[in-house]
Protein backbone atom coordinates (compact mmCIF):
# COMPACT_ATOMS: atom_id res chain seq x y z
CA UNK A 1 0.00 0.00 0.00
CA UNK A 2 2.76 2.43 0.91
CA UNK A 3 4.35 1.89 -2.50
CA UNK A 4 1.14 3.17 -4.08
CA UNK A 5 1.20 6.20 -1.78
CA UNK A 6 4.76 7.00 -2.87
CA UNK A 7 3.77 6.61 -6.52
CA UNK A 8 0.82 8.93 -5.94
CA UNK A 9 3.15 11.51 -4.36
CA UNK A 10 5.55 11.14 -7.29
CA UNK A 11 2.70 11.69 -9.75
CA UNK A 12 1.45 14.75 -7.84
CA UNK A 13 4.97 16.21 -7.78
CA UNK A 14 5.40 15.46 -11.49
CA UNK A 15 2.24 17.43 -12.25
CA UNK A 16 3.51 20.30 -10.09
CA UNK A 17 6.90 20.14 -11.84
CA UNK A 18 5.21 20.48 -15.24
CA UNK A 19 3.18 23.45 -13.99
CA UNK A 20 6.31 25.06 -12.53
CA UNK A 21 8.20 24.61 -15.80
CA UNK A 22 5.32 26.17 -17.74
CA UNK A 23 5.29 29.15 -15.38
CA UNK A 24 9.04 29.57 -15.79
CA UNK A 25 8.78 29.43 -19.58
CA UNK A 26 5.96 31.98 -19.50
CA UNK A 27 7.86 34.44 -17.28
CA UNK A 28 11.48 33.43 -16.60
CA UNK A 29 13.05 34.44 -13.29
CA UNK A 30 15.65 33.02 -10.92
CA UNK A 31 13.02 32.31 -8.27
CA UNK A 32 10.77 30.50 -10.78
CA UNK A 33 13.72 28.35 -11.90
CA UNK A 34 14.79 27.50 -8.34
CA UNK A 35 11.20 26.53 -7.59
CA UNK A 36 11.45 23.66 -10.09
CA UNK A 37 14.59 21.94 -8.78
CA UNK A 38 13.42 20.44 -5.45
CA UNK A 39 10.15 19.30 -7.03
CA UNK A 40 12.00 17.42 -9.77
CA UNK A 41 14.33 15.84 -7.18
CA UNK A 42 11.40 14.59 -5.09
CA UNK A 43 9.73 13.03 -8.16
CA UNK A 44 12.80 10.84 -8.61
CA UNK A 45 13.09 10.16 -4.87
CA UNK A 46 9.49 8.99 -4.48
CA UNK A 47 9.56 6.91 -7.66
CA UNK A 48 12.72 5.01 -6.70
CA UNK A 49 11.40 4.30 -3.19
CA UNK A 50 8.05 3.15 -4.58
CA UNK A 51 9.73 0.73 -7.02
CA UNK A 52 12.51 -0.40 -4.69
CA UNK A 53 10.81 -3.58 -3.48
CA UNK A 54 10.24 -4.66 -7.07
CA UNK A 55 13.81 -3.90 -8.11
CA UNK A 56 15.37 -5.53 -5.05
CA UNK A 57 18.69 -5.19 -3.31
CA UNK A 58 21.66 -4.83 -5.62
CA UNK A 59 23.72 -2.62 -7.94
CA UNK A 60 20.74 -1.38 -9.99
CA UNK A 61 18.85 0.02 -7.01
CA UNK A 62 22.08 1.46 -5.62
CA UNK A 63 22.74 3.24 -8.92
CA UNK A 64 19.19 4.59 -8.99
CA UNK A 65 19.54 5.74 -5.37
CA UNK A 66 22.63 7.88 -5.89
CA UNK A 67 20.63 10.68 -7.61
CA UNK A 68 18.23 10.63 -4.63
CA UNK A 69 20.98 11.62 -2.22
CA UNK A 70 22.71 14.02 -4.61
CA UNK A 71 19.39 15.67 -5.46
CA UNK A 72 18.55 16.26 -1.82
CA UNK A 73 21.96 17.85 -1.22
CA UNK A 74 21.97 20.11 -4.28
CA UNK A 75 18.32 20.99 -4.78
CA UNK A 76 16.47 20.98 -1.45
CA UNK A 77 18.01 24.35 -0.40
CA UNK A 78 16.98 25.91 -3.74
CA UNK A 79 13.67 26.98 -2.20
CA UNK A 80 15.69 29.42 -0.06
CA UNK A 81 16.42 31.45 -3.19
CA UNK A 82 12.87 30.95 -4.48
CA UNK A 83 11.34 32.24 -1.22
CA UNK A 84 13.54 35.35 -1.12
CA UNK A 85 12.76 36.04 -4.76
CA UNK A 86 9.03 35.68 -4.17
CA UNK A 87 9.14 38.22 -1.33
CA UNK A 88 11.17 40.64 -3.43
CA UNK A 89 8.77 40.37 -6.35
CA UNK A 90 5.73 40.67 -4.09
CA UNK A 91 6.91 44.04 -2.77
CA UNK A 92 7.76 45.72 -6.03
CA UNK A 93 5.64 48.69 -6.97
CA UNK A 94 3.96 49.01 -3.58
CA UNK A 95 4.08 52.52 -2.14
CA UNK A 96 5.57 52.74 1.30
CA UNK A 97 7.07 49.26 1.16
CA UNK A 98 10.79 49.04 1.71
CA UNK A 99 12.17 46.88 -1.06
CA UNK A 100 14.16 43.75 -0.39
CA UNK A 101 16.34 44.14 -3.48
CA UNK A 102 19.49 44.86 -1.53
CA UNK A 103 22.98 43.68 -2.32
CA UNK A 104 23.32 42.14 1.14
CA UNK A 105 20.14 40.07 0.81
CA UNK A 106 20.84 39.07 -2.77
CA UNK A 107 24.32 37.90 -1.84
CA UNK A 108 23.21 36.43 1.48
CA UNK A 109 20.64 34.09 -0.04
CA UNK A 110 23.32 32.51 -2.22
CA UNK A 111 25.76 32.24 0.68
CA UNK A 112 23.14 30.42 2.76
CA UNK A 113 22.21 28.23 -0.21
CA UNK A 114 25.87 27.36 -0.83
CA UNK A 115 26.45 26.56 2.86
CA UNK A 116 23.43 24.24 2.87
CA UNK A 117 24.65 22.53 -0.29
CA UNK A 118 28.13 21.96 1.15
CA UNK A 119 26.72 20.47 4.36
CA UNK A 120 24.25 18.44 2.32
CA UNK A 121 27.00 17.04 0.12
CA UNK A 122 29.04 16.10 3.18
CA UNK A 123 26.06 14.34 4.77
CA UNK A 124 24.50 12.77 1.68
CA UNK A 125 27.47 12.11 -0.60
CA UNK A 126 30.89 12.27 1.10
CA UNK A 127 29.82 10.43 4.27
CA UNK A 128 27.09 8.41 2.57
CA UNK A 129 26.85 4.79 3.61
CA UNK A 130 23.89 3.15 1.91
CA UNK A 131 21.96 0.86 4.24
CA UNK A 132 19.09 -1.36 3.05
CA UNK A 133 15.81 -0.48 4.77
CA UNK A 134 12.70 -2.66 4.75
CA UNK A 135 9.54 -1.24 6.29
CA UNK A 136 5.83 -1.32 5.58
CA UNK A 137 6.37 -3.25 2.35
CA UNK A 138 8.95 -0.79 1.04
CA UNK A 139 12.59 -1.45 0.23
CA UNK A 140 15.05 1.38 -0.25
CA UNK A 141 18.47 2.59 0.81
CA UNK A 142 18.83 4.90 3.78
CA UNK A 143 21.93 6.75 4.87
CA UNK A 144 23.82 5.14 7.75
CA UNK A 145 26.73 7.57 7.42
CA UNK A 146 28.47 9.17 10.37
CA UNK A 147 28.01 12.88 9.57
CA UNK A 148 26.73 14.46 12.82
CA UNK A 149 23.75 16.70 13.43
CA UNK A 150 20.30 17.18 11.91
CA UNK A 151 19.59 17.79 8.19
CA UNK A 152 20.77 21.40 8.24
CA UNK A 153 19.79 22.18 4.64
CA UNK A 154 16.17 21.08 4.99
CA UNK A 155 15.69 22.82 8.35
CA UNK A 156 17.25 26.08 7.13
CA UNK A 157 15.22 26.01 3.93
CA UNK A 158 11.98 25.51 5.84
CA UNK A 159 12.77 28.33 8.28
CA UNK A 160 13.64 30.75 5.45
CA UNK A 161 10.48 29.89 3.52
CA UNK A 162 8.34 30.45 6.62
CA UNK A 163 9.90 33.86 7.29
CA UNK A 164 9.60 35.15 3.74
CA UNK A 165 6.14 33.60 3.35
CA UNK A 166 4.96 36.06 6.02
CA UNK A 167 6.23 38.94 3.87
CA UNK A 168 4.53 37.51 0.80
CA UNK A 169 1.30 37.12 2.79
CA UNK A 170 1.40 40.75 3.92
CA UNK A 171 2.21 42.08 0.47
CA UNK A 172 -0.14 40.16 -1.81
CA UNK A 173 -2.72 39.07 0.79
CA UNK A 174 -2.20 35.38 0.09
CA UNK A 175 -1.45 33.05 3.03
CA UNK A 176 -0.94 29.88 0.99
CA UNK A 177 2.86 29.93 0.85
CA UNK A 178 2.92 30.21 4.64
CA UNK A 179 0.26 27.51 5.06
CA UNK A 180 2.18 25.12 2.80
CA UNK A 181 5.40 25.66 4.76
CA UNK A 182 3.51 25.19 8.04
CA UNK A 183 2.08 21.89 6.80
CA UNK A 184 5.60 20.80 5.85
CA UNK A 185 6.88 21.76 9.32
CA UNK A 186 4.15 19.65 10.93
CA UNK A 187 4.80 16.72 8.59
CA UNK A 188 8.53 16.89 9.37
CA UNK A 189 8.17 17.29 13.14
CA UNK A 190 5.57 14.61 13.90
CA UNK A 191 7.65 11.58 12.80
CA UNK A 192 10.58 12.89 14.86
CA UNK A 193 8.41 12.99 17.99
CA UNK A 194 6.24 9.91 17.35
CA UNK A 195 7.88 6.88 15.69
CA UNK A 196 5.55 5.63 12.97
CA UNK A 197 6.72 2.72 10.83
CA UNK A 198 6.47 3.77 7.20
CA UNK A 199 3.84 6.39 7.98
CA UNK A 200 6.42 8.97 9.05
CA UNK A 201 7.94 9.16 5.60
CA UNK A 202 4.49 9.24 4.03
CA UNK A 203 3.64 12.28 6.15
CA UNK A 204 6.86 13.99 5.10
CA UNK A 205 6.17 13.34 1.44
CA UNK A 206 2.58 14.56 1.74
CA UNK A 207 3.94 17.69 3.40
CA UNK A 208 6.37 18.17 0.52
CA UNK A 209 3.48 17.94 -1.95
CA UNK A 210 1.52 20.55 0.01
CA UNK A 211 4.50 22.91 0.22
CA UNK A 212 5.37 22.50 -3.46
CA UNK A 213 1.76 23.18 -4.43
CA UNK A 214 1.68 26.33 -2.31
CA UNK A 215 4.87 27.63 -3.91
CA UNK A 216 3.70 26.87 -7.44
CA UNK A 217 0.42 28.66 -6.69
CA UNK A 218 2.34 31.64 -5.27
CA UNK A 219 4.45 31.86 -8.43
CA UNK A 220 1.24 31.88 -10.45
CA UNK A 221 -0.22 34.66 -8.30
CA UNK A 222 2.93 36.75 -8.66
CA UNK A 223 2.86 36.36 -12.42
CA UNK A 224 -0.81 37.38 -12.54
CA UNK A 225 0.20 40.55 -10.67
CA UNK A 226 2.94 41.20 -13.22
CA UNK A 227 5.69 40.62 -10.65
């Protein structure tokens, strides 16, 4: 059953990825491009996990799993840049609103993104030790590596999106970016507090779908406003 849930999440993310690409083609921007990357990475991640039990332990599944870990390291923090860009675009042309198009912020978002990528690569690539995991009818490779600490990139990305979602909410009167990030926070936190075999990862993936949908919708709103 859980394999079908992962496939459903992969399909939902694939639809969102297509919508995000269409929005980028319609009105190219850095934030619209960075929106696409984590969604595409999660499509691959969910698909490989869903099919893992059918593929089985061995070199093929290991080869298919490498892009999962690399994608998380490189692309998950991309929503940091997307969130900052959304807030900047949301404030343009509004009287009395102090713009966020500052050199410090523009440089800072890339510094934070790069730091998250470096830590992600250390955790998910350099110190990666693939460990077979069987739970709830799924078979996939987890990371049994020794890199210490929590997933810094994911936590930082989520915090940044929440902060800049508040600015977007205030500026274009749309709470959905904030709501999506809040759902993701809940979906991430619950499995850490309450061990749930298989279900914890399902919650996280459902949260990712909700957050991706909220960001795609926000990009659409910004484009409708000409931002």
